[in-house]
Amino acid sequence: MNNSVVQDTIFNHKFSLNCRGKIIPLSTPLVMGIINCTPDSFHSDSRVQTINAAIQMTQKHLDEGADIIDIGAYSTRPGAEHITLQEELSRIIPVTEAIRKKFPDAVLSIDSFRSEVINALLPFGVDMVNDISGAANETLLEIISGKNIPYILMHNTEDSNYKNITTEVYQFFQKKIALINKYKINDVIIDLGFGFAKTLEQNYELLATADFFTHLHLPVMIGVSRKSMIYKLLNCTPSEALNGTSAVHAIALMKGGNILRVHDVKEAKEVVSIFMKMK
């Protein structure tokens, strides 16, 4: 494809999200700050295990310019311990309730693949659902149907034996979007699923071709913050992977990313500012 056509496609998309009636434009890429209510997330500095710690982390994210707060209580790192539904609920309900009470205007995303968790949190004002399962649970789709809650669809399969990763991930999205369209979910965001059933080489091949996914005409979320595709390549730890993360964020924005899901809001906002100045 002619490069100028790709650039026109990237820079001319005008997206917005309807979060329970609140319209959020995507003319400038958004930054989503992570709140991990877990004891075992791969980046130890991101873990919050008390309500006060979660409030403090949320305040920091918002002060640094976070557009969305993403709350999760189930670690999805490789080798993470499976937790029961009750354990996930006991972690996430008090934190979400406290964050909503303290920050009533914050846009809250819930990072869960369990329909029971989303249903339990609806009374607190769920603005977005971040589902890493790849729409494996249609009950979750039914629960948010018609509620103006954007849905994040992540690519996630068990098999990393791709013949052409870009084509196969694209076909995955086409199939899943057709499924989601059966429900009254107006806003779908795609997440390429970096780090999920993908080798180091496959992750970077997908990053290099990320602009191809703009042809789906949906916002694209990029979740690479301090992941192994960065720290393994740079031979460092997740705690040392901030510089590499910023580099990948810059590339991702150039490739058409609309939302950055991050541990480090301030640095991500700086990348967005530089990108927008260049644009």
Protein backbone atom coordinates (compact mmCIF):
# COMPACT_ATOMS: atom_id res chain seq x y z
CA MET A 1 0.00 0.00 0.00
CA ASN A 2 1.15 3.52 -0.80
CA ASN A 3 2.60 5.08 2.36
CA SER A 4 0.77 8.36 1.84
CA VAL A 5 -2.53 6.48 1.83
CA VAL A 6 -1.63 4.85 5.14
CA GLN A 7 -0.70 8.19 6.67
CA ASP A 8 -3.94 9.77 5.44
CA THR A 9 -5.89 6.90 6.98
CA ILE A 10 -4.12 7.27 10.32
CA PHE A 11 -4.36 11.01 10.68
CA ASN A 12 -7.88 11.55 9.33
CA HIS A 13 -9.93 9.17 11.45
CA LYS A 14 -12.28 11.14 13.72
CA PHE A 15 -13.38 8.87 16.54
CA SER A 16 -15.27 9.52 19.75
CA LEU A 17 -16.56 7.30 22.55
CA ASN A 18 -19.96 7.45 24.20
CA CYS A 19 -19.38 6.52 27.84
CA ARG A 20 -22.85 6.40 29.41
CA GLY A 21 -23.80 9.60 27.61
CA LYS A 22 -20.48 11.37 28.09
CA ILE A 23 -18.86 11.93 24.69
CA ILE A 24 -15.08 11.58 24.73
CA PRO A 25 -13.31 12.70 21.54
CA LEU A 26 -10.32 10.80 20.23
CA SER A 27 -8.91 13.60 18.10
CA THR A 28 -6.00 13.47 20.57
CA PRO A 29 -4.87 10.01 21.72
CA LEU A 30 -6.06 9.11 25.21
CA VAL A 31 -4.02 7.72 28.09
CA MET A 32 -5.48 5.00 30.31
CA GLY A 33 -3.88 4.66 33.75
CA ILE A 34 -3.66 1.16 35.24
CA ILE A 35 -4.85 0.29 38.76
CA ASN A 36 -3.82 -3.29 39.63
CA CYS A 37 -5.67 -4.58 42.70
CA THR A 38 -3.50 -7.69 42.70
CA PRO A 39 -0.55 -9.06 44.66
CA ASP A 40 1.13 -10.58 41.61
CA SER A 41 0.98 -8.26 38.60
CA PHE A 42 4.25 -8.41 36.65
CA HIS A 43 5.19 -4.77 37.40
CA SER A 44 5.42 -4.69 41.19
CA ASP A 45 5.26 -0.90 41.45
CA SER A 46 1.76 -0.94 39.92
CA ARG A 47 0.22 -3.17 42.59
CA VAL A 48 -2.23 -1.64 45.06
CA GLN A 49 -3.57 -3.87 47.82
CA THR A 50 -5.47 -1.40 49.98
CA ILE A 51 -8.23 1.07 49.24
CA ASN A 52 -6.03 3.98 50.32
CA ALA A 53 -3.25 2.87 47.96
CA ALA A 54 -5.75 2.62 45.10
CA ILE A 55 -7.08 6.11 45.84
CA GLN A 56 -3.55 7.51 45.93
CA MET A 57 -2.61 5.81 42.65
CA THR A 58 -5.80 7.06 40.99
CA GLN A 59 -5.14 10.59 42.22
CA LYS A 60 -1.62 10.43 40.81
CA HIS A 61 -2.86 9.18 37.45
CA LEU A 62 -5.52 11.90 37.22
CA ASP A 63 -3.11 14.63 38.34
CA GLU A 64 -0.76 13.54 35.56
CA GLY A 65 -3.51 13.74 32.98
CA ALA A 66 -5.03 10.26 32.71
CA ASP A 67 -8.16 10.26 30.57
CA ILE A 68 -9.34 6.83 31.74
CA ILE A 69 -8.70 4.77 34.88
CA ASP A 70 -8.55 1.00 34.27
CA ILE A 71 -9.23 -1.11 37.38
CA GLY A 72 -8.37 -4.80 37.41
CA ALA A 73 -8.14 -7.48 40.09
CA TYR A 74 -7.10 -10.56 38.11
CA SER A 75 -3.48 -10.75 37.01
CA THR A 76 -3.08 -11.99 33.44
CA ARG A 77 0.70 -12.20 33.42
CA PRO A 78 2.13 -15.55 32.19
CA GLY A 79 2.00 -18.07 35.01
CA ALA A 80 -0.28 -15.96 37.20
CA GLU A 81 -2.37 -17.80 39.77
CA HIS A 82 -5.99 -18.43 38.86
CA ILE A 83 -8.32 -16.80 41.36
CA THR A 84 -11.95 -17.55 42.06
CA LEU A 85 -14.80 -15.26 41.16
CA GLN A 86 -15.34 -14.45 44.82
CA GLU A 87 -11.70 -13.47 45.24
CA GLU A 88 -11.85 -11.15 42.25
CA LEU A 89 -15.07 -9.58 43.53
CA SER A 90 -13.67 -9.11 47.02
CA ARG A 91 -10.67 -7.27 45.57
CA ILE A 92 -12.37 -5.10 42.99
CA ILE A 93 -15.72 -4.06 44.48
CA PRO A 94 -14.39 -2.05 47.47
CA VAL A 95 -11.73 -0.36 45.33
CA THR A 96 -14.14 0.56 42.52
CA GLU A 97 -16.72 1.86 44.99
CA ALA A 98 -14.11 4.00 46.76
CA ILE A 99 -12.64 5.37 43.53
CA ARG A 100 -16.07 6.26 42.16
CA LYS A 101 -17.01 8.01 45.41
CA LYS A 102 -13.74 9.97 45.54
CA PHE A 103 -13.63 10.76 41.81
CA PRO A 104 -17.25 10.92 40.60
CA ASP A 105 -16.33 12.39 37.21
CA ALA A 106 -13.51 9.97 36.38
CA VAL A 107 -13.97 7.65 33.40
CA LEU A 108 -13.67 4.16 34.86
CA SER A 109 -12.79 1.08 32.82
CA ILE A 110 -13.11 -2.37 34.38
CA ASP A 111 -10.49 -4.91 33.35
CA SER A 112 -12.30 -8.25 33.67
CA PHE A 113 -13.43 -11.11 31.44
CA ARG A 114 -16.08 -12.25 33.93
CA SER A 115 -19.65 -11.16 33.30
CA GLU A 116 -20.44 -11.53 37.00
CA VAL A 117 -17.79 -8.93 37.87
CA ILE A 118 -19.07 -6.42 35.33
CA ASN A 119 -22.65 -6.97 36.47
CA ALA A 120 -21.70 -6.44 40.12
CA LEU A 121 -19.92 -3.18 39.31
CA LEU A 122 -22.58 -1.62 37.08
CA PRO A 123 -24.20 0.23 40.04
CA PHE A 124 -20.94 2.13 40.58
CA GLY A 125 -20.94 3.50 37.05
CA VAL A 126 -18.87 1.36 34.69
CA ASP A 127 -17.85 3.58 31.76
CA MET A 128 -15.89 1.00 29.76
CA VAL A 129 -15.19 -2.74 29.77
CA ASN A 130 -11.69 -4.06 29.05
CA ASP A 131 -12.10 -7.75 28.17
CA ILE A 132 -8.87 -9.66 27.58
CA SER A 133 -10.75 -12.86 26.64
CA GLY A 134 -11.47 -11.79 23.05
CA ALA A 135 -15.27 -11.79 23.48
CA ALA A 136 -15.26 -15.38 24.71
CA ASN A 137 -18.12 -14.67 27.12
CA GLU A 138 -21.28 -13.57 25.33
CA THR A 139 -23.08 -13.09 28.64
CA LEU A 140 -20.76 -10.14 29.26
CA LEU A 141 -21.84 -8.65 25.93
CA GLU A 142 -25.49 -9.14 26.89
CA ILE A 143 -24.96 -7.36 30.21
CA ILE A 144 -23.58 -4.18 28.63
CA SER A 145 -25.88 -4.28 25.61
CA GLY A 146 -27.65 -0.96 25.07
CA LYS A 147 -25.95 0.76 28.01
CA ASN A 148 -23.55 3.03 26.08
CA ILE A 149 -20.55 1.27 27.60
CA PRO A 150 -17.62 0.98 25.15
CA TYR A 151 -16.15 -2.49 24.87
CA ILE A 152 -12.45 -3.24 24.40
CA LEU A 153 -11.96 -6.34 22.28
CA MET A 154 -8.49 -7.83 22.70
CA HIS A 155 -6.92 -10.38 20.40
CA ASN A 156 -6.29 -13.48 22.47
CA THR A 157 -5.81 -17.05 21.26
CA GLU A 158 -4.04 -20.08 22.68
CA ASP A 159 -2.04 -20.80 19.53
CA SER A 160 0.97 -18.67 18.53
CA ASN A 161 1.74 -20.72 15.42
CA TYR A 162 0.80 -18.01 12.93
CA LYS A 163 1.46 -18.23 9.21
CA ASN A 164 0.83 -14.49 8.85
CA ILE A 165 0.17 -12.84 12.19
CA THR A 166 -1.20 -9.59 10.77
CA THR A 167 -3.70 -11.32 8.50
CA GLU A 168 -4.80 -13.80 11.16
CA VAL A 169 -5.26 -11.16 13.87
CA TYR A 170 -7.21 -9.02 11.40
CA GLN A 171 -9.48 -11.99 10.55
CA PHE A 172 -9.97 -12.63 14.28
CA PHE A 173 -11.23 -9.08 14.71
CA GLN A 174 -13.54 -9.31 11.70
CA LYS A 175 -15.16 -12.44 13.12
CA LYS A 176 -15.49 -11.07 16.66
CA ILE A 177 -16.78 -7.67 15.54
CA ALA A 178 -19.53 -9.44 13.60
CA LEU A 179 -20.47 -11.23 16.84
CA ILE A 180 -20.43 -8.03 18.92
CA ASN A 181 -22.56 -6.24 16.33
CA LYS A 182 -25.41 -8.60 17.23
CA TYR A 183 -25.59 -6.78 20.54
CA LYS A 184 -26.38 -3.09 21.02
CA ILE A 185 -22.78 -2.06 21.74
CA ASN A 186 -22.12 1.12 19.81
CA ASP A 187 -18.43 1.63 20.58
CA VAL A 188 -15.88 -1.15 20.10
CA ILE A 189 -12.15 -0.57 20.65
CA ILE A 190 -9.65 -3.13 19.39
CA ASP A 191 -6.54 -4.16 21.31
CA LEU A 192 -3.91 -6.11 19.37
CA GLY A 193 -3.08 -8.18 22.45
CA PHE A 194 0.66 -7.63 22.65
CA GLY A 195 2.22 -10.31 24.82
CA PHE A 196 -0.71 -12.73 24.66
CA ALA A 197 0.23 -15.96 22.83
CA LYS A 198 2.83 -14.12 20.78
CA THR A 199 6.59 -14.51 20.60
CA LEU A 200 8.95 -11.56 20.85
CA GLU A 201 9.34 -11.51 17.09
CA GLN A 202 5.58 -11.75 16.53
CA ASN A 203 4.94 -8.83 18.86
CA TYR A 204 7.25 -6.60 16.86
CA GLU A 205 5.91 -7.81 13.54
CA LEU A 206 2.44 -6.85 14.77
CA LEU A 207 3.70 -3.46 15.94
CA ALA A 208 5.29 -2.85 12.54
CA THR A 209 1.98 -3.56 10.78
CA ALA A 210 -0.35 -1.98 13.33
CA ASP A 211 -1.45 0.70 10.86
CA PHE A 212 -3.13 -2.03 8.79
CA PHE A 213 -5.78 -2.37 11.51
CA THR A 214 -7.00 1.17 10.92
CA HIS A 215 -8.93 -0.35 8.00
CA LEU A 216 -11.34 -1.80 10.56
CA HIS A 217 -12.42 1.81 11.19
CA LEU A 218 -12.38 1.33 14.96
CA PRO A 219 -10.23 2.95 17.65
CA VAL A 220 -7.08 1.00 18.52
CA MET A 221 -5.79 0.59 22.08
CA ILE A 222 -2.13 -0.22 22.63
CA GLY A 223 -1.16 -2.15 25.77
CA VAL A 224 2.61 -2.58 25.84
CA SER A 225 3.57 -0.80 29.05
CA ARG A 226 6.71 -2.41 30.58
CA LYS A 227 5.82 -5.78 29.00
CA SER A 228 8.27 -8.59 28.26
CA MET A 229 8.46 -7.64 24.57
CA ILE A 230 10.31 -4.57 25.84
CA TYR A 231 12.26 -5.70 28.89
CA LYS A 232 13.39 -9.01 27.37
CA LEU A 233 14.61 -7.27 24.22
CA LEU A 234 16.48 -4.68 26.28
CA ASN A 235 17.76 -7.25 28.80
CA CYS A 236 16.32 -5.37 31.76
CA THR A 237 13.52 -5.69 34.32
CA PRO A 238 9.95 -4.31 34.09
CA SER A 239 11.00 -1.58 36.54
CA GLU A 240 13.77 -0.53 34.11
CA ALA A 241 11.60 -0.63 30.99
CA LEU A 242 10.08 2.86 31.04
CA ASN A 243 12.35 4.30 28.35
CA GLY A 244 11.68 1.36 26.06
CA THR A 245 7.96 1.69 26.75
CA SER A 246 7.99 5.35 25.69
CA ALA A 247 9.79 4.41 22.47
CA VAL A 248 7.18 1.80 21.63
CA HIS A 249 4.37 4.22 22.51
CA ALA A 250 5.74 6.74 20.02
CA ILE A 251 5.84 4.08 17.29
CA ALA A 252 2.33 2.92 18.20
CA LEU A 253 0.90 6.42 17.85
CA MET A 254 2.60 6.79 14.48
CA LYS A 255 0.96 3.51 13.49
CA GLY A 256 -2.52 4.77 14.35
CA GLY A 257 -2.97 4.00 18.06
CA ASN A 258 -5.76 5.95 19.76
CA ILE A 259 -5.44 4.87 23.40
CA LEU A 260 -2.31 4.01 25.38
CA ARG A 261 -2.87 1.74 28.40
CA VAL A 262 0.00 2.55 30.76
CA HIS A 263 1.55 2.30 34.19
CA ASP A 264 3.24 5.70 33.79
CA VAL A 265 0.77 8.41 32.85
CA LYS A 266 3.07 11.45 32.91
CA GLU A 267 5.55 9.95 30.47
CA ALA A 268 2.81 8.66 28.16
CA LYS A 269 1.17 12.10 28.06
CA GLU A 270 4.52 13.57 27.08
CA VAL A 271 4.75 11.13 24.18
CA VAL A 272 1.23 12.13 23.10
CA SER A 273 2.15 15.84 23.28
CA ILE A 274 5.19 15.36 21.07
CA PHE A 275 3.19 13.24 18.63
CA MET A 276 0.44 15.87 18.39
CA LYS A 277 2.99 18.66 17.83
CA MET A 278 4.56 16.70 15.00
CA LYS A 279 1.15 15.86 13.56
